[in-house]
């Protein structure tokens, strides 16, 4: 049965975890609401924080929401509760993407989420768009990343050298397409925030990483031509380590599940001191996305994860729960929480 004693402090802990999840262009496309009728924590999409050109089907938006749902699950177990998640619970409400029922105590299946270091990684994880050292990540850690993806119903493929080169070529082709037309470039640039901008959404100009001086690694250029000022272009790692996150099916429910898998993988990497960045460009073009499957059966590519050792990347802002629309009927009427979101 749902536990009604969800006080404002508990809800703040859950939401502080949720809003630390990554989202495409840091759009933070979610809204949270405690349903007073059944004490379910609802996670809804926010259409106005979408990317009509880069994400017309809302796939990346679903991945982002799924990552936030995983953080809610992790925080719930940390608080001694069992998070029972229902995805797409009401066909009549397409913006209601998930509902989380919080019961007590945790159940045996929650044991894989009870690792304290995994929960602590929520606050430490963020994208690094900087060069990595090229030092190989040990096979046992890579295997642990694959286990994390599998636990959420996804698969993490680690291609060989030839496969990674092909994926990087497809990513580079997508990057060129993204800036071939002014409308798409304008959409991306609209989520870049200059210094001094008072907004919790988008990516600060100061958080953008440099380009690869050697041209081997197609890091995303969020500004497009004419190129905005960037740090001097260094040489990135010569041998890129990357893994492809895939699903067997390609439905909205699968997108929400793979979003949870993505966050489980990213937090597991963070727990081991491994940096990550997401190469999503090819996933935004249907033909290139299909080509990223590398001929594997029942592999719908969702995101390419670059990983390795290197410096922290620049942090991106998070919307504060207190500054946004209030929850419906919070248990503590002196406090209000609301619609909020994460870092890239």
Protein backbone atom coordinates (compact mmCIF):
# COMPACT_ATOMS: atom_id res chain seq x y z
CA UNK A 1 0.00 0.00 0.00
CA UNK A 2 1.26 3.55 -0.62
CA UNK A 3 2.74 5.23 2.42
CA UNK A 4 1.01 8.58 3.07
CA UNK A 5 3.76 10.05 5.28
CA UNK A 6 5.69 11.65 2.42
CA UNK A 7 6.71 14.86 4.10
CA UNK A 8 8.28 17.77 2.27
CA UNK A 9 11.80 16.79 3.35
CA UNK A 10 11.40 13.31 1.86
CA UNK A 11 10.01 14.75 -1.34
CA UNK A 12 12.87 17.23 -1.59
CA UNK A 13 15.36 14.38 -1.28
CA UNK A 14 13.61 12.46 -4.05
CA UNK A 15 13.45 15.49 -6.33
CA UNK A 16 17.02 16.58 -5.64
CA UNK A 17 18.04 13.18 -6.98
CA UNK A 18 15.61 13.31 -9.92
CA UNK A 19 16.77 16.70 -11.19
CA UNK A 20 20.41 15.61 -11.22
CA UNK A 21 19.70 13.30 -14.16
CA UNK A 22 21.03 14.17 -17.63
CA UNK A 23 18.75 15.50 -20.34
CA UNK A 24 19.34 16.38 -23.97
CA UNK A 25 20.64 19.97 -24.19
CA UNK A 26 19.78 20.25 -20.48
CA UNK A 27 16.15 20.88 -21.45
CA UNK A 28 14.96 19.22 -18.22
CA UNK A 29 11.70 18.09 -19.88
CA UNK A 30 9.84 16.89 -16.82
CA UNK A 31 7.36 17.91 -14.17
CA UNK A 32 6.74 16.16 -10.84
CA UNK A 33 3.48 15.99 -8.93
CA UNK A 34 2.33 14.17 -5.83
CA UNK A 35 -1.17 12.89 -6.62
CA UNK A 36 -3.20 13.56 -3.44
CA UNK A 37 -5.74 10.86 -4.31
CA UNK A 38 -3.31 7.93 -4.19
CA UNK A 39 0.02 9.38 -3.01
CA UNK A 40 1.75 8.40 -6.25
CA UNK A 41 4.65 10.52 -7.38
CA UNK A 42 3.83 11.36 -11.01
CA UNK A 43 6.46 12.23 -13.61
CA UNK A 44 5.11 14.16 -16.57
CA UNK A 45 6.62 15.45 -19.78
CA UNK A 46 6.84 19.18 -20.45
CA UNK A 47 6.20 19.68 -24.19
CA UNK A 48 7.37 23.28 -24.19
CA UNK A 49 10.88 22.08 -23.24
CA UNK A 50 11.27 19.87 -26.28
CA UNK A 51 13.35 19.84 -29.47
CA UNK A 52 10.95 19.55 -32.43
CA UNK A 53 13.73 19.21 -35.01
CA UNK A 54 16.33 17.15 -33.16
CA UNK A 55 13.79 15.01 -31.30
CA UNK A 56 10.49 15.04 -33.23
CA UNK A 57 9.24 11.74 -31.78
CA UNK A 58 10.19 12.60 -28.19
CA UNK A 59 12.57 9.65 -27.91
CA UNK A 60 15.36 11.67 -26.28
CA UNK A 61 12.78 13.33 -24.01
CA UNK A 62 11.67 9.88 -22.83
CA UNK A 63 15.31 8.88 -22.22
CA UNK A 64 15.77 12.00 -20.11
CA UNK A 65 12.66 11.29 -18.04
CA UNK A 66 13.72 7.66 -17.64
CA UNK A 67 17.05 8.81 -16.19
CA UNK A 68 15.19 10.98 -13.67
CA UNK A 69 12.96 8.03 -12.74
CA UNK A 70 16.03 5.90 -12.04
CA UNK A 71 17.38 8.56 -9.68
CA UNK A 72 14.01 8.63 -7.88
CA UNK A 73 14.22 4.86 -7.46
CA UNK A 74 17.76 5.10 -6.12
CA UNK A 75 16.85 7.86 -3.66
CA UNK A 76 13.75 5.95 -2.50
CA UNK A 77 15.82 2.90 -1.61
CA UNK A 78 18.31 5.18 0.15
CA UNK A 79 15.37 6.48 2.24
CA UNK A 80 14.28 2.94 3.14
CA UNK A 81 11.39 2.67 0.70
CA UNK A 82 10.49 0.43 -2.21
CA UNK A 83 9.81 2.30 -5.48
CA UNK A 84 7.21 0.51 -7.59
CA UNK A 85 7.30 2.17 -11.01
CA UNK A 86 4.55 2.09 -13.61
CA UNK A 87 5.53 3.39 -17.03
CA UNK A 88 2.91 5.08 -19.20
CA UNK A 89 0.22 4.27 -16.61
CA UNK A 90 -2.69 6.05 -18.32
CA UNK A 91 -3.12 5.93 -22.13
CA UNK A 92 -5.56 8.83 -21.80
CA UNK A 93 -2.78 11.07 -20.42
CA UNK A 94 0.11 10.90 -22.88
CA UNK A 95 2.16 13.41 -20.89
CA UNK A 96 2.06 11.17 -17.80
CA UNK A 97 5.17 9.09 -18.44
CA UNK A 98 5.61 7.36 -15.08
CA UNK A 99 4.06 6.95 -11.65
CA UNK A 100 6.10 5.87 -8.64
CA UNK A 101 4.46 4.21 -5.66
CA UNK A 102 6.63 4.43 -2.55
CA UNK A 103 6.13 1.69 0.01
CA UNK A 104 8.07 0.49 3.02
CA UNK A 105 10.28 -1.44 3.59
CA UNK A 106 12.57 -2.08 0.59
CA UNK A 107 12.24 -5.48 -1.06
CA UNK A 108 14.95 -8.02 -1.92
CA UNK A 109 14.99 -6.89 -5.56
CA UNK A 110 16.04 -3.41 -4.36
CA UNK A 111 19.38 -4.74 -3.11
CA UNK A 112 21.16 -3.81 -6.36
CA UNK A 113 20.15 -0.18 -5.75
CA UNK A 114 21.24 -0.08 -2.11
CA UNK A 115 24.94 0.52 -2.81
CA UNK A 116 25.72 3.78 -0.96
CA UNK A 117 28.40 4.77 -3.48
CA UNK A 118 25.87 4.48 -6.31
CA UNK A 119 23.53 6.92 -4.59
CA UNK A 120 26.45 9.25 -3.78
CA UNK A 121 27.39 9.25 -7.46
CA UNK A 122 24.18 11.14 -8.29
CA UNK A 123 25.65 14.39 -7.00
CA UNK A 124 29.06 13.74 -8.60
CA UNK A 125 28.01 12.68 -12.09
CA UNK A 126 28.09 15.15 -14.93
CA UNK A 127 29.15 15.14 -18.55
CA UNK A 128 32.81 15.66 -19.39
CA UNK A 129 33.37 17.12 -22.86
CA UNK A 130 37.12 17.30 -22.26
CA UNK A 131 39.87 15.07 -23.68
CA UNK A 132 40.44 11.79 -21.87
CA UNK A 133 43.85 10.32 -21.20
CA UNK A 134 43.41 7.22 -23.34
CA UNK A 135 44.19 4.92 -20.41
CA UNK A 136 42.03 1.81 -20.90
CA UNK A 137 39.16 1.26 -18.50
CA UNK A 138 39.69 -2.23 -17.01
CA UNK A 139 37.53 -5.03 -18.42
CA UNK A 140 35.86 -5.79 -15.04
CA UNK A 141 34.55 -2.22 -14.86
CA UNK A 142 33.30 -2.34 -18.46
CA UNK A 143 31.58 -5.62 -17.63
CA UNK A 144 29.95 -3.98 -14.62
CA UNK A 145 28.60 -1.24 -16.89
CA UNK A 146 27.05 -3.91 -19.09
CA UNK A 147 25.47 -5.58 -16.05
CA UNK A 148 23.98 -2.24 -15.01
CA UNK A 149 22.37 -1.81 -18.45
CA UNK A 150 21.06 -5.37 -18.45
CA UNK A 151 19.47 -4.88 -15.03
CA UNK A 152 17.22 -2.21 -16.58
CA UNK A 153 16.30 -4.22 -19.67
CA UNK A 154 18.86 -2.81 -22.11
CA UNK A 155 22.11 -4.02 -23.65
CA UNK A 156 25.48 -2.32 -23.69
CA UNK A 157 27.63 -3.33 -26.65
CA UNK A 158 31.35 -2.57 -26.65
CA UNK A 159 32.39 -2.59 -30.32
CA UNK A 160 35.89 -3.45 -31.45
CA UNK A 161 38.25 -0.87 -32.91
CA UNK A 162 36.70 -1.10 -36.38
CA UNK A 163 33.17 -0.83 -34.98
CA UNK A 164 34.02 2.26 -32.94
CA UNK A 165 35.62 3.91 -35.97
CA UNK A 166 32.44 3.31 -37.95
CA UNK A 167 30.26 4.71 -35.18
CA UNK A 168 32.43 7.81 -34.97
CA UNK A 169 32.16 8.31 -38.75
CA UNK A 170 28.36 8.13 -38.49
CA UNK A 171 28.48 10.59 -35.59
CA UNK A 172 30.64 12.98 -37.63
CA UNK A 173 28.21 12.75 -40.56
CA UNK A 174 25.30 13.56 -38.24
CA UNK A 175 27.22 16.47 -36.77
CA UNK A 176 27.71 17.90 -40.25
CA UNK A 177 24.02 17.45 -41.05
CA UNK A 178 23.00 19.16 -37.82
CA UNK A 179 24.63 22.39 -38.98
CA UNK A 180 23.76 22.15 -42.68
CA UNK A 181 20.50 24.04 -42.15
CA UNK A 182 19.95 27.25 -40.17
CA UNK A 183 16.76 26.03 -38.43
CA UNK A 184 18.43 23.09 -36.74
CA UNK A 185 21.43 25.16 -35.77
CA UNK A 186 19.14 27.82 -34.32
CA UNK A 187 17.27 25.22 -32.26
CA UNK A 188 20.49 23.97 -30.71
CA UNK A 189 21.88 27.45 -30.12
CA UNK A 190 18.67 28.46 -28.33
CA UNK A 191 19.69 26.16 -25.47
CA UNK A 192 23.11 27.75 -25.01
CA UNK A 193 23.20 30.33 -22.24
CA UNK A 194 25.79 33.12 -22.14
CA UNK A 195 27.55 34.08 -18.90
CA UNK A 196 25.33 35.97 -16.50
CA UNK A 197 22.09 34.49 -17.84
CA UNK A 198 19.68 33.77 -15.01
CA UNK A 199 18.10 30.52 -16.17
CA UNK A 200 18.36 26.98 -14.82
CA UNK A 201 17.90 25.44 -18.28
CA UNK A 202 20.25 24.92 -21.18
CA UNK A 203 24.03 24.62 -21.30
CA UNK A 204 26.23 27.52 -20.17
CA UNK A 205 28.67 28.70 -22.79
CA UNK A 206 31.41 28.09 -20.24
CA UNK A 207 30.48 24.37 -20.06
CA UNK A 208 31.04 23.72 -23.76
CA UNK A 209 34.10 21.64 -24.44
CA UNK A 210 36.77 22.17 -27.08
CA UNK A 211 36.93 20.54 -30.49
CA UNK A 212 39.41 17.76 -31.22
CA UNK A 213 42.42 19.34 -32.93
CA UNK A 214 43.06 16.08 -34.79
CA UNK A 215 39.47 15.82 -35.99
CA UNK A 216 39.14 12.19 -34.94
CA UNK A 217 36.46 12.64 -32.29
CA UNK A 218 33.29 14.48 -33.37
CA UNK A 219 32.37 16.21 -30.14
CA UNK A 220 29.13 18.15 -30.44
CA UNK A 221 29.41 21.76 -31.55
CA UNK A 222 26.37 23.35 -29.91
CA UNK A 223 26.94 26.79 -31.43
CA UNK A 224 27.36 26.01 -35.13
CA UNK A 225 28.70 28.42 -37.72
CA UNK A 226 29.86 31.02 -37.17
CA UNK A 227 31.59 29.23 -34.33
CA UNK A 228 31.41 30.95 -30.96
CA UNK A 229 34.63 31.47 -28.98
CA UNK A 230 35.91 28.17 -27.57
CA UNK A 231 38.99 27.09 -25.66
CA UNK A 232 41.97 26.22 -27.84
CA UNK A 233 41.48 22.86 -29.53
CA UNK A 234 43.60 20.16 -27.87
CA UNK A 235 44.14 16.64 -29.13
CA UNK A 236 41.66 14.13 -27.74
CA UNK A 237 42.43 10.52 -26.93
CA UNK A 238 43.74 8.59 -29.94
CA UNK A 239 41.84 5.41 -29.17
CA UNK A 240 38.29 6.26 -28.18
CA UNK A 241 36.52 3.95 -25.74
CA UNK A 242 32.79 3.85 -26.40
CA UNK A 243 29.78 1.62 -25.87
CA UNK A 244 26.45 1.50 -27.65
CA UNK A 245 23.29 1.27 -25.55
CA UNK A 246 20.56 -0.69 -27.37
CA UNK A 247 17.08 -2.10 -26.80
CA UNK A 248 15.27 -5.06 -28.35
CA UNK A 249 12.22 -2.94 -29.18
CA UNK A 250 11.78 0.73 -29.96
CA UNK A 251 8.58 1.90 -28.29
CA UNK A 252 8.04 4.78 -25.84
CA UNK A 253 8.11 2.31 -22.95
CA UNK A 254 11.49 1.03 -24.19
CA UNK A 255 12.79 4.62 -24.34
CA UNK A 256 11.83 5.13 -20.70
CA UNK A 257 13.52 1.88 -19.71
CA UNK A 258 16.70 2.65 -21.61
CA UNK A 259 16.78 6.07 -19.93
CA UNK A 260 16.93 4.24 -16.61
CA UNK A 261 19.62 1.94 -18.02
CA UNK A 262 21.61 4.95 -19.23
CA UNK A 263 21.59 6.54 -15.79
CA UNK A 264 22.48 3.23 -14.10
CA UNK A 265 25.48 2.93 -16.45
CA UNK A 266 26.57 6.55 -15.96
CA UNK A 267 26.36 6.34 -12.17
CA UNK A 268 28.23 3.03 -12.13
CA UNK A 269 30.98 4.64 -14.20
CA UNK A 270 31.07 7.65 -11.88
CA UNK A 271 31.30 5.34 -8.87
CA UNK A 272 34.53 3.92 -10.37
CA UNK A 273 36.01 7.30 -11.27
CA UNK A 274 35.28 6.90 -14.99
CA UNK A 275 34.22 10.02 -16.93
CA UNK A 276 31.53 9.89 -19.57
CA UNK A 277 30.03 11.94 -22.36
CA UNK A 278 27.16 11.19 -24.72
CA UNK A 279 27.50 11.15 -28.50
CA UNK A 280 23.86 11.41 -29.51
CA UNK A 281 24.11 13.12 -32.91
CA UNK A 282 23.62 10.05 -35.10
CA UNK A 283 20.56 9.00 -33.08
CA UNK A 284 18.76 12.14 -34.31
CA UNK A 285 18.72 10.97 -37.96
CA UNK A 286 16.68 7.80 -38.67
CA UNK A 287 18.99 6.44 -41.37
CA UNK A 288 22.16 7.06 -39.37
CA UNK A 289 20.61 5.69 -36.21
CA UNK A 290 19.67 2.48 -38.02
CA UNK A 291 23.21 2.21 -39.40
CA UNK A 292 24.59 2.42 -35.86
CA UNK A 293 23.10 -1.03 -35.17
CA UNK A 294 26.19 -2.51 -36.84
CA UNK A 295 24.15 -5.40 -38.20
CA UNK A 296 23.14 -6.74 -34.80
CA UNK A 297 19.77 -8.44 -34.58
CA UNK A 298 17.10 -6.76 -32.49
CA UNK A 299 19.41 -3.89 -31.63
CA UNK A 300 17.75 -0.49 -31.71
CA UNK A 301 20.55 1.98 -30.97
CA UNK A 302 19.65 4.60 -28.36
CA UNK A 303 22.86 6.42 -27.41
CA UNK A 304 26.62 6.13 -27.83
CA UNK A 305 28.51 6.54 -24.56
CA UNK A 306 32.13 7.68 -24.61
CA UNK A 307 34.03 6.80 -21.46
CA UNK A 308 37.52 7.01 -20.03
CA UNK A 309 39.71 8.78 -17.51
CA UNK A 310 40.21 12.51 -17.51
CA UNK A 311 39.22 15.83 -15.96
CA UNK A 312 35.80 16.87 -14.75
CA UNK A 313 33.65 18.67 -17.25
CA UNK A 314 31.88 21.95 -16.62
CA UNK A 315 28.73 21.71 -14.56
CA UNK A 316 25.36 22.75 -15.91
CA UNK A 317 22.58 24.34 -13.83
CA UNK A 318 19.59 22.62 -12.27
CA UNK A 319 16.18 24.10 -11.69
CA UNK A 320 15.37 24.52 -8.02
CA UNK A 321 12.18 22.88 -6.81
CA UNK A 322 11.35 25.88 -4.67
CA UNK A 323 11.36 28.27 -7.64
CA UNK A 324 8.85 26.35 -9.71
CA UNK A 325 5.15 25.50 -9.80
CA UNK A 326 4.03 23.95 -6.50
CA UNK A 327 2.92 20.39 -5.94
CA UNK A 328 -0.72 19.65 -5.43
CA UNK A 329 -1.56 19.30 -1.74
CA UNK A 330 1.82 18.78 -0.18
CA UNK A 331 1.74 17.13 3.23
CA UNK A 332 3.43 20.17 4.78
CA UNK A 333 1.52 23.29 3.68
CA UNK A 334 4.40 25.56 4.65
CA UNK A 335 6.66 24.05 2.00
CA UNK A 336 6.25 23.82 -1.76
CA UNK A 337 7.99 21.76 -4.37
CA UNK A 338 7.48 21.59 -8.05
CA UNK A 339 8.40 21.13 -11.64
CA UNK A 340 12.17 20.86 -11.94
CA UNK A 341 15.02 19.32 -13.92
CA UNK A 342 18.81 18.26 -14.44
CA UNK A 343 22.22 18.73 -15.84
CA UNK A 344 23.55 17.54 -19.14
